[in-house]
Amino acid sequence: MNNDTTTDITRARKRYDRIAPFYDFMETPMEALRFNEWRSRLREKVTGRALEVGVGTGKNMAYYPLGLDVTAIDISPGMLKRAAKRAALLGRGVELMDMDVQFLGFPDHSFDTVFATFVFCSVPDPVRGLRELHRVIKPEGKMILMEHMRPSNPVLGILFDVLNPVVVRIMGANINRRTMENIRAAGWRVAKEEHLFSDVVRWVEAAP
């Protein structure tokens, strides 16, 4: 891990620790855009031994299939603390771990399903993180992502590029990531790509 990577991770951890107490409130407008409805798809899609990346405050936990064998990771102790409270409230058995998706501490081929919602917009090196998920997925496994990304409309794309530094400073999320390109660059085969909100928010299912 080089110094730049360490700095990026430290900066991200501090940012999310700082906003953890009011993160859910900050995201209320976005959740109103049917995000909860889209999250509910996880009930049918996540199977076997599962890994959730960027669990945050645990918003997806209500949609875990009952009895799911799941490990959930995040780089923010502040977020993990809130996720633990939500897991207890929901009665979910979740193994929570402080871990960075760019440097996973799991053996190869450990999981049947890896999933994340609105995470790879904030991973410093998204391709590296996606490659790590490719490493730990079983050969017959699957990756499920719900992500926002740079729109294909040229004018909107430029607007997102202009606004990106401001959004990163406030929320820590890049709004102009070319996530589909990153997924393929990491070695994944896209099996399904669905546009949920224009082509900015997409549901993606991929195989190794």
N, C-alpha and C. Protein backbone atom coordinates (compact mmCIF):
# COMPACT_ATOMS: atom_id res chain seq x y z
N MET A 1 0.86 -1.19 0.00
CA MET A 1 0.00 0.00 0.00
C MET A 1 0.90 1.24 0.00
N ASN A 2 0.76 2.10 -1.03
CA ASN A 2 1.62 3.28 -1.09
C ASN A 2 1.06 4.41 -0.24
N ASN A 3 1.85 5.47 -0.11
CA ASN A 3 1.46 6.58 0.76
C ASN A 3 0.18 7.27 0.29
N ASP A 4 0.03 7.41 -1.05
CA ASP A 4 -1.18 8.06 -1.58
C ASP A 4 -2.42 7.26 -1.22
N THR A 5 -2.32 5.94 -1.36
CA THR A 5 -3.46 5.07 -1.03
C THR A 5 -3.81 5.17 0.44
N THR A 6 -2.79 5.13 1.29
CA THR A 6 -3.01 5.25 2.73
C THR A 6 -3.68 6.56 3.08
N THR A 7 -3.23 7.64 2.43
CA THR A 7 -3.82 8.96 2.68
C THR A 7 -5.28 8.99 2.27
N ASP A 8 -5.59 8.41 1.10
CA ASP A 8 -6.97 8.38 0.61
C ASP A 8 -7.87 7.62 1.57
N ILE A 9 -7.39 6.47 2.05
CA ILE A 9 -8.20 5.66 2.96
C ILE A 9 -8.42 6.39 4.28
N THR A 10 -7.36 6.99 4.80
CA THR A 10 -7.47 7.73 6.06
C THR A 10 -8.44 8.88 5.93
N ARG A 11 -8.36 9.60 4.81
CA ARG A 11 -9.25 10.73 4.59
C ARG A 11 -10.70 10.26 4.50
N ALA A 12 -10.93 9.16 3.78
CA ALA A 12 -12.30 8.63 3.65
C ALA A 12 -12.83 8.16 5.00
N ARG A 13 -11.99 7.49 5.78
CA ARG A 13 -12.43 7.00 7.09
C ARG A 13 -12.83 8.16 8.00
N LYS A 14 -12.03 9.21 8.01
CA LYS A 14 -12.34 10.37 8.84
C LYS A 14 -13.62 11.05 8.38
N ARG A 15 -13.80 11.14 7.07
CA ARG A 15 -14.99 11.80 6.53
C ARG A 15 -16.25 11.05 6.96
N TYR A 16 -16.25 9.73 6.80
CA TYR A 16 -17.45 8.97 7.12
C TYR A 16 -17.66 8.84 8.63
N ASP A 17 -16.59 8.81 9.39
CA ASP A 17 -16.76 8.86 10.85
C ASP A 17 -17.44 10.17 11.26
N ARG A 18 -17.05 11.24 10.59
CA ARG A 18 -17.58 12.57 10.94
C ARG A 18 -19.07 12.68 10.63
N ILE A 19 -19.50 12.11 9.50
CA ILE A 19 -20.89 12.28 9.10
C ILE A 19 -21.79 11.13 9.55
N ALA A 20 -21.22 10.09 10.16
CA ALA A 20 -22.01 8.92 10.56
C ALA A 20 -23.23 9.27 11.40
N PRO A 21 -23.13 10.19 12.39
CA PRO A 21 -24.30 10.47 13.23
C PRO A 21 -25.50 11.03 12.48
N PHE A 22 -25.27 11.70 11.36
CA PHE A 22 -26.41 12.27 10.62
C PHE A 22 -26.45 11.82 9.17
N TYR A 23 -25.78 10.71 8.88
CA TYR A 23 -25.72 10.20 7.51
C TYR A 23 -27.10 9.82 6.98
N ASP A 24 -27.87 9.11 7.78
CA ASP A 24 -29.21 8.70 7.33
C ASP A 24 -30.08 9.91 7.02
N PHE A 25 -29.98 10.94 7.85
CA PHE A 25 -30.76 12.15 7.60
C PHE A 25 -30.33 12.82 6.30
N MET A 26 -29.02 12.86 6.05
CA MET A 26 -28.51 13.47 4.82
C MET A 26 -29.02 12.75 3.58
N GLU A 27 -29.24 11.45 3.69
CA GLU A 27 -29.63 10.65 2.53
C GLU A 27 -31.14 10.53 2.38
N THR A 28 -31.91 11.15 3.26
CA THR A 28 -33.36 11.03 3.21
C THR A 28 -33.94 11.40 1.85
N PRO A 29 -33.53 12.51 1.22
CA PRO A 29 -34.10 12.84 -0.10
C PRO A 29 -33.84 11.76 -1.14
N MET A 30 -32.65 11.16 -1.10
CA MET A 30 -32.32 10.13 -2.08
C MET A 30 -33.11 8.85 -1.81
N GLU A 31 -33.30 8.52 -0.54
CA GLU A 31 -34.09 7.34 -0.21
C GLU A 31 -35.53 7.50 -0.71
N ALA A 32 -36.00 8.75 -0.75
CA ALA A 32 -37.35 9.01 -1.24
C ALA A 32 -37.48 8.73 -2.73
N LEU A 33 -36.36 8.64 -3.44
CA LEU A 33 -36.38 8.35 -4.88
C LEU A 33 -36.47 6.85 -5.15
N ARG A 34 -37.18 6.14 -4.29
CA ARG A 34 -37.44 4.72 -4.45
C ARG A 34 -36.24 3.85 -4.12
N PHE A 35 -35.22 4.41 -3.47
CA PHE A 35 -34.05 3.61 -3.14
C PHE A 35 -34.42 2.41 -2.28
N ASN A 36 -35.32 2.60 -1.30
CA ASN A 36 -35.72 1.49 -0.44
C ASN A 36 -36.41 0.39 -1.24
N GLU A 37 -37.24 0.81 -2.19
CA GLU A 37 -37.91 -0.17 -3.05
C GLU A 37 -36.89 -0.98 -3.84
N TRP A 38 -35.88 -0.30 -4.35
CA TRP A 38 -34.84 -1.00 -5.12
C TRP A 38 -34.01 -1.90 -4.23
N ARG A 39 -33.73 -1.45 -3.01
CA ARG A 39 -32.95 -2.28 -2.08
C ARG A 39 -33.67 -3.60 -1.78
N SER A 40 -35.00 -3.58 -1.80
CA SER A 40 -35.77 -4.78 -1.45
C SER A 40 -35.50 -5.94 -2.40
N ARG A 41 -34.94 -5.67 -3.56
CA ARG A 41 -34.60 -6.74 -4.50
C ARG A 41 -33.55 -7.69 -3.93
N LEU A 42 -32.80 -7.20 -2.96
CA LEU A 42 -31.75 -8.03 -2.38
C LEU A 42 -32.31 -9.30 -1.75
N ARG A 43 -33.56 -9.26 -1.30
CA ARG A 43 -34.17 -10.44 -0.66
C ARG A 43 -34.12 -11.65 -1.58
N GLU A 44 -34.32 -11.43 -2.86
CA GLU A 44 -34.37 -12.54 -3.81
C GLU A 44 -33.02 -12.82 -4.46
N LYS A 45 -32.13 -11.85 -4.44
CA LYS A 45 -30.90 -11.97 -5.21
C LYS A 45 -29.69 -12.46 -4.42
N VAL A 46 -29.65 -12.15 -3.12
CA VAL A 46 -28.48 -12.48 -2.32
C VAL A 46 -28.65 -13.88 -1.74
N THR A 47 -27.72 -14.77 -2.04
CA THR A 47 -27.82 -16.16 -1.61
C THR A 47 -26.46 -16.67 -1.12
N GLY A 48 -26.52 -17.79 -0.39
CA GLY A 48 -25.30 -18.44 0.05
C GLY A 48 -24.52 -17.62 1.06
N ARG A 49 -23.22 -17.83 1.09
CA ARG A 49 -22.36 -17.02 1.95
C ARG A 49 -22.13 -15.69 1.24
N ALA A 50 -22.46 -14.60 1.92
CA ALA A 50 -22.50 -13.29 1.25
C ALA A 50 -21.58 -12.28 1.92
N LEU A 51 -21.10 -11.35 1.10
CA LEU A 51 -20.28 -10.24 1.58
C LEU A 51 -20.92 -8.93 1.13
N GLU A 52 -21.27 -8.07 2.10
CA GLU A 52 -21.71 -6.73 1.74
C GLU A 52 -20.55 -5.76 1.92
N VAL A 53 -20.29 -4.98 0.89
CA VAL A 53 -19.22 -4.00 0.91
C VAL A 53 -19.81 -2.62 1.21
N GLY A 54 -19.19 -1.89 2.13
CA GLY A 54 -19.68 -0.56 2.45
C GLY A 54 -21.04 -0.61 3.12
N VAL A 55 -21.12 -1.35 4.20
CA VAL A 55 -22.42 -1.53 4.87
C VAL A 55 -22.97 -0.22 5.42
N GLY A 56 -22.09 0.74 5.70
CA GLY A 56 -22.56 2.03 6.22
C GLY A 56 -23.32 1.87 7.52
N THR A 57 -24.48 2.50 7.60
CA THR A 57 -25.31 2.40 8.81
C THR A 57 -26.22 1.18 8.80
N GLY A 58 -26.10 0.34 7.76
CA GLY A 58 -26.87 -0.90 7.71
C GLY A 58 -28.22 -0.79 7.02
N LYS A 59 -28.34 0.13 6.07
CA LYS A 59 -29.64 0.33 5.42
C LYS A 59 -30.16 -0.91 4.69
N ASN A 60 -29.25 -1.76 4.22
CA ASN A 60 -29.69 -2.94 3.49
C ASN A 60 -30.12 -4.09 4.39
N MET A 61 -29.82 -4.01 5.66
CA MET A 61 -30.05 -5.15 6.55
C MET A 61 -31.50 -5.59 6.60
N ALA A 62 -32.41 -4.65 6.50
CA ALA A 62 -33.84 -5.00 6.54
C ALA A 62 -34.24 -5.87 5.36
N TYR A 63 -33.39 -5.89 4.33
CA TYR A 63 -33.71 -6.63 3.11
C TYR A 63 -32.84 -7.87 2.93
N TYR A 64 -32.03 -8.20 3.94
CA TYR A 64 -31.29 -9.46 3.89
C TYR A 64 -32.28 -10.62 3.95
N PRO A 65 -32.09 -11.66 3.14
CA PRO A 65 -32.91 -12.86 3.31
C PRO A 65 -32.74 -13.42 4.72
N LEU A 66 -33.80 -13.91 5.30
CA LEU A 66 -33.74 -14.46 6.65
C LEU A 66 -32.74 -15.62 6.70
N GLY A 67 -31.92 -15.61 7.74
CA GLY A 67 -30.94 -16.68 7.90
C GLY A 67 -29.71 -16.54 7.04
N LEU A 68 -29.54 -15.41 6.38
CA LEU A 68 -28.40 -15.21 5.49
C LEU A 68 -27.08 -15.27 6.27
N ASP A 69 -26.12 -16.00 5.72
CA ASP A 69 -24.76 -16.03 6.26
C ASP A 69 -24.00 -14.86 5.64
N VAL A 70 -23.92 -13.75 6.36
CA VAL A 70 -23.40 -12.53 5.75
C VAL A 70 -22.31 -11.88 6.59
N THR A 71 -21.28 -11.45 5.91
CA THR A 71 -20.24 -10.60 6.48
C THR A 71 -20.38 -9.23 5.85
N ALA A 72 -20.34 -8.19 6.65
CA ALA A 72 -20.51 -6.82 6.14
C ALA A 72 -19.31 -5.99 6.57
N ILE A 73 -18.71 -5.29 5.61
CA ILE A 73 -17.50 -4.52 5.91
C ILE A 73 -17.70 -3.03 5.64
N ASP A 74 -16.88 -2.24 6.31
CA ASP A 74 -16.85 -0.80 6.09
C ASP A 74 -15.52 -0.29 6.63
N ILE A 75 -15.07 0.86 6.11
CA ILE A 75 -13.81 1.43 6.59
C ILE A 75 -14.03 2.39 7.75
N SER A 76 -15.28 2.66 8.09
CA SER A 76 -15.58 3.66 9.11
C SER A 76 -16.08 3.01 10.40
N PRO A 77 -15.32 3.09 11.48
CA PRO A 77 -15.81 2.59 12.77
C PRO A 77 -17.11 3.25 13.20
N GLY A 78 -17.26 4.53 12.87
CA GLY A 78 -18.49 5.23 13.22
C GLY A 78 -19.70 4.64 12.53
N MET A 79 -19.55 4.31 11.26
CA MET A 79 -20.63 3.68 10.51
C MET A 79 -20.91 2.28 11.06
N LEU A 80 -19.85 1.52 11.33
CA LEU A 80 -20.01 0.16 11.83
C LEU A 80 -20.73 0.14 13.18
N LYS A 81 -20.48 1.13 14.00
CA LYS A 81 -21.16 1.22 15.30
C LYS A 81 -22.66 1.35 15.09
N ARG A 82 -23.06 2.18 14.14
CA ARG A 82 -24.48 2.36 13.87
C ARG A 82 -25.07 1.13 13.20
N ALA A 83 -24.29 0.48 12.34
CA ALA A 83 -24.76 -0.75 11.70
C ALA A 83 -25.00 -1.83 12.75
N ALA A 84 -24.13 -1.90 13.75
CA ALA A 84 -24.30 -2.90 14.81
C ALA A 84 -25.60 -2.67 15.58
N LYS A 85 -25.92 -1.42 15.84
CA LYS A 85 -27.17 -1.11 16.53
C LYS A 85 -28.37 -1.51 15.68
N ARG A 86 -28.28 -1.27 14.37
CA ARG A 86 -29.40 -1.62 13.49
C ARG A 86 -29.54 -3.14 13.40
N ALA A 87 -28.43 -3.85 13.33
CA ALA A 87 -28.49 -5.31 13.27
C ALA A 87 -29.16 -5.87 14.52
N ALA A 88 -28.82 -5.31 15.67
CA ALA A 88 -29.42 -5.77 16.93
C ALA A 88 -30.91 -5.47 16.96
N LEU A 89 -31.29 -4.30 16.48
CA LEU A 89 -32.69 -3.90 16.46
C LEU A 89 -33.51 -4.81 15.55
N LEU A 90 -32.91 -5.21 14.42
CA LEU A 90 -33.60 -6.06 13.44
C LEU A 90 -33.47 -7.54 13.76
N GLY A 91 -32.61 -7.87 14.71
CA GLY A 91 -32.38 -9.26 15.04
C GLY A 91 -31.63 -10.01 13.95
N ARG A 92 -30.71 -9.32 13.29
CA ARG A 92 -29.94 -9.93 12.20
C ARG A 92 -28.57 -10.39 12.70
N GLY A 93 -28.21 -11.60 12.33
CA GLY A 93 -26.89 -12.10 12.66
C GLY A 93 -25.90 -11.71 11.57
N VAL A 94 -25.18 -10.64 11.79
CA VAL A 94 -24.25 -10.10 10.79
C VAL A 94 -22.86 -10.01 11.40
N GLU A 95 -21.87 -10.52 10.70
CA GLU A 95 -20.48 -10.34 11.12
C GLU A 95 -19.97 -9.02 10.54
N LEU A 96 -19.77 -8.03 11.38
CA LEU A 96 -19.32 -6.71 10.95
C LEU A 96 -17.81 -6.60 11.12
N MET A 97 -17.15 -6.09 10.08
CA MET A 97 -15.69 -6.00 10.10
C MET A 97 -15.22 -4.67 9.55
N ASP A 98 -14.20 -4.11 10.18
CA ASP A 98 -13.55 -2.89 9.70
C ASP A 98 -12.55 -3.31 8.63
N MET A 99 -12.90 -3.08 7.37
CA MET A 99 -12.07 -3.57 6.28
C MET A 99 -12.30 -2.73 5.03
N ASP A 100 -11.25 -2.59 4.23
CA ASP A 100 -11.28 -1.83 2.99
C ASP A 100 -11.42 -2.79 1.81
N VAL A 101 -12.37 -2.55 0.93
CA VAL A 101 -12.59 -3.42 -0.22
C VAL A 101 -11.37 -3.50 -1.12
N GLN A 102 -10.51 -2.51 -1.08
CA GLN A 102 -9.31 -2.54 -1.92
C GLN A 102 -8.26 -3.53 -1.41
N PHE A 103 -8.41 -3.96 -0.15
CA PHE A 103 -7.44 -4.87 0.48
C PHE A 103 -8.20 -5.85 1.36
N LEU A 104 -8.92 -6.77 0.74
CA LEU A 104 -9.76 -7.70 1.49
C LEU A 104 -8.92 -8.76 2.19
N GLY A 105 -9.29 -9.07 3.41
CA GLY A 105 -8.57 -10.07 4.19
C GLY A 105 -9.21 -11.44 4.14
N PHE A 106 -9.73 -11.84 2.99
CA PHE A 106 -10.39 -13.14 2.84
C PHE A 106 -9.63 -13.98 1.81
N PRO A 107 -9.67 -15.31 1.96
CA PRO A 107 -9.05 -16.18 0.96
C PRO A 107 -9.79 -16.09 -0.38
N ASP A 108 -9.14 -16.54 -1.42
CA ASP A 108 -9.77 -16.61 -2.74
C ASP A 108 -11.03 -17.48 -2.66
N HIS A 109 -12.02 -17.12 -3.47
CA HIS A 109 -13.24 -17.93 -3.64
C HIS A 109 -13.95 -18.20 -2.32
N SER A 110 -14.15 -17.15 -1.54
CA SER A 110 -14.77 -17.29 -0.21
C SER A 110 -16.29 -17.13 -0.21
N PHE A 111 -16.86 -16.42 -1.21
CA PHE A 111 -18.26 -16.01 -1.13
C PHE A 111 -19.06 -16.44 -2.37
N ASP A 112 -20.35 -16.70 -2.11
CA ASP A 112 -21.29 -17.01 -3.20
C ASP A 112 -21.84 -15.74 -3.82
N THR A 113 -22.05 -14.71 -2.99
CA THR A 113 -22.59 -13.43 -3.46
C THR A 113 -21.79 -12.30 -2.82
N VAL A 114 -21.40 -11.33 -3.63
CA VAL A 114 -20.84 -10.08 -3.10
C VAL A 114 -21.75 -8.96 -3.59
N PHE A 115 -22.04 -8.01 -2.71
CA PHE A 115 -22.98 -6.96 -3.12
C PHE A 115 -22.66 -5.64 -2.44
N ALA A 116 -23.09 -4.57 -3.09
CA ALA A 116 -22.86 -3.22 -2.57
C ALA A 116 -23.90 -2.29 -3.17
N THR A 117 -24.30 -1.28 -2.40
CA THR A 117 -25.23 -0.27 -2.92
C THR A 117 -24.64 1.11 -2.68
N PHE A 118 -24.41 1.81 -3.77
CA PHE A 118 -23.88 3.19 -3.73
C PHE A 118 -22.57 3.26 -2.96
N VAL A 119 -21.63 2.42 -3.34
CA VAL A 119 -20.35 2.33 -2.65
C VAL A 119 -19.17 2.69 -3.55
N PHE A 120 -19.18 2.20 -4.78
CA PHE A 120 -18.00 2.37 -5.63
C PHE A 120 -17.83 3.78 -6.17
N CYS A 121 -18.77 4.65 -5.85
CA CYS A 121 -18.60 6.07 -6.13
C CYS A 121 -17.59 6.70 -5.17
N SER A 122 -17.30 6.02 -4.06
CA SER A 122 -16.43 6.61 -3.04
C SER A 122 -15.17 5.80 -2.77
N VAL A 123 -15.01 4.66 -3.41
CA VAL A 123 -13.79 3.87 -3.26
C VAL A 123 -12.66 4.57 -4.02
N PRO A 124 -11.52 4.86 -3.36
CA PRO A 124 -10.45 5.60 -4.03
C PRO A 124 -9.99 4.98 -5.35
N ASP A 125 -9.81 3.66 -5.36
CA ASP A 125 -9.44 2.95 -6.60
C ASP A 125 -10.50 1.90 -6.86
N PRO A 126 -11.57 2.26 -7.57
CA PRO A 126 -12.69 1.33 -7.73
C PRO A 126 -12.33 0.05 -8.48
N VAL A 127 -11.44 0.14 -9.46
CA VAL A 127 -11.07 -1.06 -10.21
C VAL A 127 -10.35 -2.05 -9.29
N ARG A 128 -9.47 -1.54 -8.46
CA ARG A 128 -8.79 -2.42 -7.50
C ARG A 128 -9.79 -3.10 -6.58
N GLY A 129 -10.77 -2.33 -6.08
CA GLY A 129 -11.78 -2.92 -5.22
C GLY A 129 -12.60 -3.98 -5.92
N LEU A 130 -12.97 -3.72 -7.16
CA LEU A 130 -13.75 -4.68 -7.93
C LEU A 130 -12.93 -5.93 -8.25
N ARG A 131 -11.63 -5.75 -8.45
CA ARG A 131 -10.76 -6.91 -8.66
C ARG A 131 -10.65 -7.76 -7.41
N GLU A 132 -10.62 -7.11 -6.25
CA GLU A 132 -10.60 -7.86 -5.00
C GLU A 132 -11.88 -8.68 -4.83
N LEU A 133 -13.01 -8.10 -5.20
CA LEU A 133 -14.26 -8.85 -5.13
C LEU A 133 -14.23 -10.02 -6.11
N HIS A 134 -13.64 -9.81 -7.27
CA HIS A 134 -13.50 -10.88 -8.26
C HIS A 134 -12.63 -12.01 -7.70
N ARG A 135 -11.66 -11.65 -6.90
CA ARG A 135 -10.77 -12.66 -6.29
C ARG A 135 -11.49 -13.51 -5.26
N VAL A 136 -12.34 -12.89 -4.45
CA VAL A 136 -12.96 -13.63 -3.34
C VAL A 136 -14.28 -14.29 -3.71
N ILE A 137 -14.79 -14.06 -4.91
CA ILE A 137 -16.04 -14.69 -5.32
C ILE A 137 -15.76 -16.12 -5.78
N LYS A 138 -16.69 -17.02 -5.52
CA LYS A 138 -16.57 -18.38 -6.01
C LYS A 138 -16.78 -18.40 -7.52
N PRO A 139 -16.24 -19.40 -8.22
CA PRO A 139 -16.36 -19.44 -9.69
C PRO A 139 -17.80 -19.37 -10.18
N GLU A 140 -18.73 -19.91 -9.41
CA GLU A 140 -20.14 -19.90 -9.81
C GLU A 140 -20.92 -18.78 -9.11
N GLY A 141 -20.21 -17.88 -8.45
CA GLY A 141 -20.86 -16.83 -7.68
C GLY A 141 -21.31 -15.65 -8.52
N LYS A 142 -21.76 -14.59 -7.83
CA LYS A 142 -22.29 -13.41 -8.53
C LYS A 142 -22.03 -12.15 -7.72
N MET A 143 -21.96 -11.05 -8.43
CA MET A 143 -21.85 -9.73 -7.82
C MET A 143 -23.10 -8.93 -8.15
N ILE A 144 -23.63 -8.24 -7.14
CA ILE A 144 -24.81 -7.39 -7.32
C ILE A 144 -24.44 -5.98 -6.87
N LEU A 145 -24.64 -5.02 -7.75
CA LEU A 145 -24.36 -3.63 -7.43
C LEU A 145 -25.56 -2.76 -7.76
N MET A 146 -25.84 -1.79 -6.91
CA MET A 146 -26.73 -0.69 -7.26
C MET A 146 -25.88 0.57 -7.10
N GLU A 147 -25.64 1.26 -8.21
CA GLU A 147 -24.69 2.36 -8.20
C GLU A 147 -25.21 3.54 -9.02
N HIS A 148 -24.80 4.73 -8.60
CA HIS A 148 -25.02 5.88 -9.47
C HIS A 148 -23.72 6.17 -10.20
N MET A 149 -23.84 6.65 -11.43
CA MET A 149 -22.66 6.84 -12.27
C MET A 149 -22.87 7.96 -13.27
N ARG A 150 -21.83 8.27 -14.00
CA ARG A 150 -21.88 9.36 -14.97
C ARG A 150 -22.91 9.06 -16.04
N PRO A 151 -23.82 10.00 -16.33
CA PRO A 151 -24.83 9.77 -17.37
C PRO A 151 -24.21 9.74 -18.75
N SER A 152 -24.85 9.03 -19.66
CA SER A 152 -24.34 8.93 -21.03
C SER A 152 -24.65 10.17 -21.86
N ASN A 153 -25.67 10.95 -21.44
CA ASN A 153 -25.99 12.19 -22.14
C ASN A 153 -24.78 13.12 -22.08
N PRO A 154 -24.27 13.59 -23.23
CA PRO A 154 -23.04 14.40 -23.24
C PRO A 154 -23.13 15.66 -22.38
N VAL A 155 -24.25 16.36 -22.46
CA VAL A 155 -24.40 17.61 -21.71
C VAL A 155 -24.45 17.32 -20.21
N LEU A 156 -25.26 16.33 -19.82
CA LEU A 156 -25.35 15.97 -18.41
C LEU A 156 -24.01 15.43 -17.90
N GLY A 157 -23.32 14.70 -18.76
CA GLY A 157 -22.02 14.17 -18.37
C GLY A 157 -21.05 15.28 -18.01
N ILE A 158 -21.01 16.33 -18.82
CA ILE A 158 -20.13 17.47 -18.54
C ILE A 158 -20.56 18.16 -17.25
N LEU A 159 -21.88 18.30 -17.05
CA LEU A 159 -22.38 18.92 -15.83
C LEU A 159 -21.95 18.13 -14.60
N PHE A 160 -22.05 16.81 -14.67
CA PHE A 160 -21.62 15.97 -13.55
C PHE A 160 -20.12 16.12 -13.30
N ASP A 161 -19.35 16.26 -14.39
CA ASP A 161 -17.90 16.46 -14.23
C ASP A 161 -17.61 17.76 -13.48
N VAL A 162 -18.36 18.81 -13.83
CA VAL A 162 -18.15 20.12 -13.21
C VAL A 162 -18.54 20.08 -11.73
N LEU A 163 -19.65 19.42 -11.43
CA LEU A 163 -20.15 19.38 -10.05
C LEU A 163 -19.41 18.39 -9.16
N ASN A 164 -18.71 17.46 -9.77
CA ASN A 164 -18.10 16.38 -8.99
C ASN A 164 -17.21 16.84 -7.83
N PRO A 165 -16.30 17.80 -8.03
CA PRO A 165 -15.44 18.22 -6.90
C PRO A 165 -16.23 18.73 -5.70
N VAL A 166 -17.34 19.41 -5.97
CA VAL A 166 -18.17 19.94 -4.88
C VAL A 166 -18.83 18.79 -4.11
N VAL A 167 -19.38 17.83 -4.86
CA VAL A 167 -20.06 16.70 -4.23
C VAL A 167 -19.07 15.85 -3.43
N VAL A 168 -17.88 15.66 -3.99
CA VAL A 168 -16.86 14.89 -3.27
C VAL A 168 -16.51 15.57 -1.95
N ARG A 169 -16.37 16.87 -1.98
CA ARG A 169 -16.01 17.60 -0.76
C ARG A 169 -17.10 17.48 0.31
N ILE A 170 -18.37 17.51 -0.12
CA ILE A 170 -19.48 17.49 0.83
C ILE A 170 -19.82 16.07 1.29
N MET A 171 -19.92 15.15 0.31
CA MET A 171 -20.42 13.81 0.60
C MET A 171 -19.37 12.71 0.48
N GLY A 172 -18.26 13.01 -0.18
CA GLY A 172 -17.24 11.98 -0.38
C GLY A 172 -17.54 11.04 -1.52
N ALA A 173 -18.56 11.35 -2.33
CA ALA A 173 -18.96 10.48 -3.43
C ALA A 173 -18.68 11.15 -4.77
N ASN A 174 -18.12 10.37 -5.69
CA ASN A 174 -17.92 10.85 -7.06
C ASN A 174 -19.18 10.58 -7.87
N ILE A 175 -19.69 11.59 -8.54
CA ILE A 175 -20.91 11.42 -9.33
C ILE A 175 -20.62 11.21 -10.81
N ASN A 176 -19.33 11.15 -11.17
CA ASN A 176 -18.99 11.00 -12.58
C ASN A 176 -18.15 9.76 -12.85
N ARG A 177 -18.29 8.75 -12.00
CA ARG A 177 -17.56 7.50 -12.21
C ARG A 177 -18.13 6.75 -13.42
N ARG A 178 -17.25 6.16 -14.20
CA ARG A 178 -17.66 5.32 -15.34
C ARG A 178 -17.65 3.86 -14.85
N THR A 179 -18.63 3.56 -14.05
CA THR A 179 -18.63 2.31 -13.29
C THR A 179 -18.75 1.07 -14.16
N MET A 180 -19.51 1.13 -15.23
CA MET A 180 -19.63 -0.04 -16.10
C MET A 180 -18.28 -0.39 -16.71
N GLU A 181 -17.52 0.61 -17.11
CA GLU A 181 -16.18 0.36 -17.64
C GLU A 181 -15.28 -0.23 -16.56
N ASN A 182 -15.42 0.27 -15.34
CA ASN A 182 -14.60 -0.24 -14.24
C ASN A 182 -14.91 -1.70 -13.93
N ILE A 183 -16.19 -2.06 -13.98
CA ILE A 183 -16.60 -3.44 -13.70
C ILE A 183 -15.94 -4.39 -14.70
N ARG A 184 -16.00 -4.04 -15.96
CA ARG A 184 -15.42 -4.90 -16.99
C ARG A 184 -13.90 -4.91 -16.91
N ALA A 185 -13.31 -3.77 -16.57
CA ALA A 185 -11.85 -3.70 -16.44
C ALA A 185 -11.34 -4.60 -15.32
N ALA A 186 -12.19 -4.85 -14.33
CA ALA A 186 -11.81 -5.69 -13.19
C ALA A 186 -12.01 -7.18 -13.47
N GLY A 187 -12.47 -7.52 -14.67
CA GLY A 187 -12.60 -8.91 -15.05
C GLY A 187 -13.98 -9.51 -14.93
N TRP A 188 -14.97 -8.70 -14.58
CA TRP A 188 -16.33 -9.21 -14.43
C TRP A 188 -17.05 -9.26 -15.77
N ARG A 189 -17.97 -10.21 -15.89
CA ARG A 189 -18.84 -10.31 -17.06
C ARG A 189 -20.23 -9.83 -16.65
N VAL A 190 -20.70 -8.76 -17.27
CA VAL A 190 -22.00 -8.19 -16.91
C VAL A 190 -23.12 -9.07 -17.46
N ALA A 191 -23.94 -9.60 -16.56
CA ALA A 191 -25.06 -10.45 -16.95
C ALA A 191 -26.36 -9.66 -17.07
N LYS A 192 -26.47 -8.58 -16.29
CA LYS A 192 -27.68 -7.76 -16.32
C LYS A 192 -27.32 -6.33 -15.98
N GLU A 193 -27.86 -5.39 -16.74
CA GLU A 193 -27.69 -3.97 -16.46
C GLU A 193 -29.05 -3.30 -16.65
N GLU A 194 -29.61 -2.79 -15.57
CA GLU A 194 -30.94 -2.18 -15.61
C GLU A 194 -30.86 -0.73 -15.16
N HIS A 195 -31.46 0.16 -15.94
CA HIS A 195 -31.48 1.58 -15.59
C HIS A 195 -32.67 1.83 -14.66
N LEU A 196 -32.40 2.28 -13.45
CA LEU A 196 -33.44 2.50 -12.46
C LEU A 196 -33.92 3.95 -12.43
N PHE A 197 -33.00 4.88 -12.61
CA PHE A 197 -33.32 6.31 -12.62
C PHE A 197 -32.53 6.93 -13.75
N SER A 198 -33.22 7.09 -14.92
CA SER A 198 -32.51 7.43 -16.15
C SER A 198 -31.40 6.39 -16.30
N ASP A 199 -30.21 6.79 -16.72
CA ASP A 199 -29.11 5.83 -16.71
C ASP A 199 -28.08 6.22 -15.65
N VAL A 200 -28.51 7.06 -14.71
CA VAL A 200 -27.62 7.50 -13.64
C VAL A 200 -27.55 6.46 -12.53
N VAL A 201 -28.70 5.93 -12.12
CA VAL A 201 -28.74 4.87 -11.11
C VAL A 201 -29.01 3.56 -11.84
N ARG A 202 -28.13 2.59 -11.63
CA ARG A 202 -28.26 1.32 -12.35
C ARG A 202 -28.13 0.13 -11.39
N TRP A 203 -28.86 -0.91 -11.74
CA TRP A 203 -28.76 -2.21 -11.06
C TRP A 203 -27.92 -3.11 -11.96
N VAL A 204 -26.87 -3.68 -11.39
CA VAL A 204 -25.95 -4.49 -12.18
C VAL A 204 -25.76 -5.85 -11.51
N GLU A 205 -25.84 -6.90 -12.32
CA GLU A 205 -25.50 -8.24 -11.87
C GLU A 205 -24.39 -8.75 -12.76
N ALA A 206 -23.35 -9.32 -12.15
CA ALA A 206 -22.18 -9.73 -12.91
C ALA A 206 -21.67 -11.07 -12.41
N ALA A 207 -21.00 -11.78 -13.31
CA ALA A 207 -20.41 -13.08 -13.00
C ALA A 207 -18.90 -13.00 -13.18
N PRO A 208 -18.15 -13.83 -12.46
CA PRO A 208 -16.69 -13.79 -12.59
C PRO A 208 -16.20 -14.36 -13.93
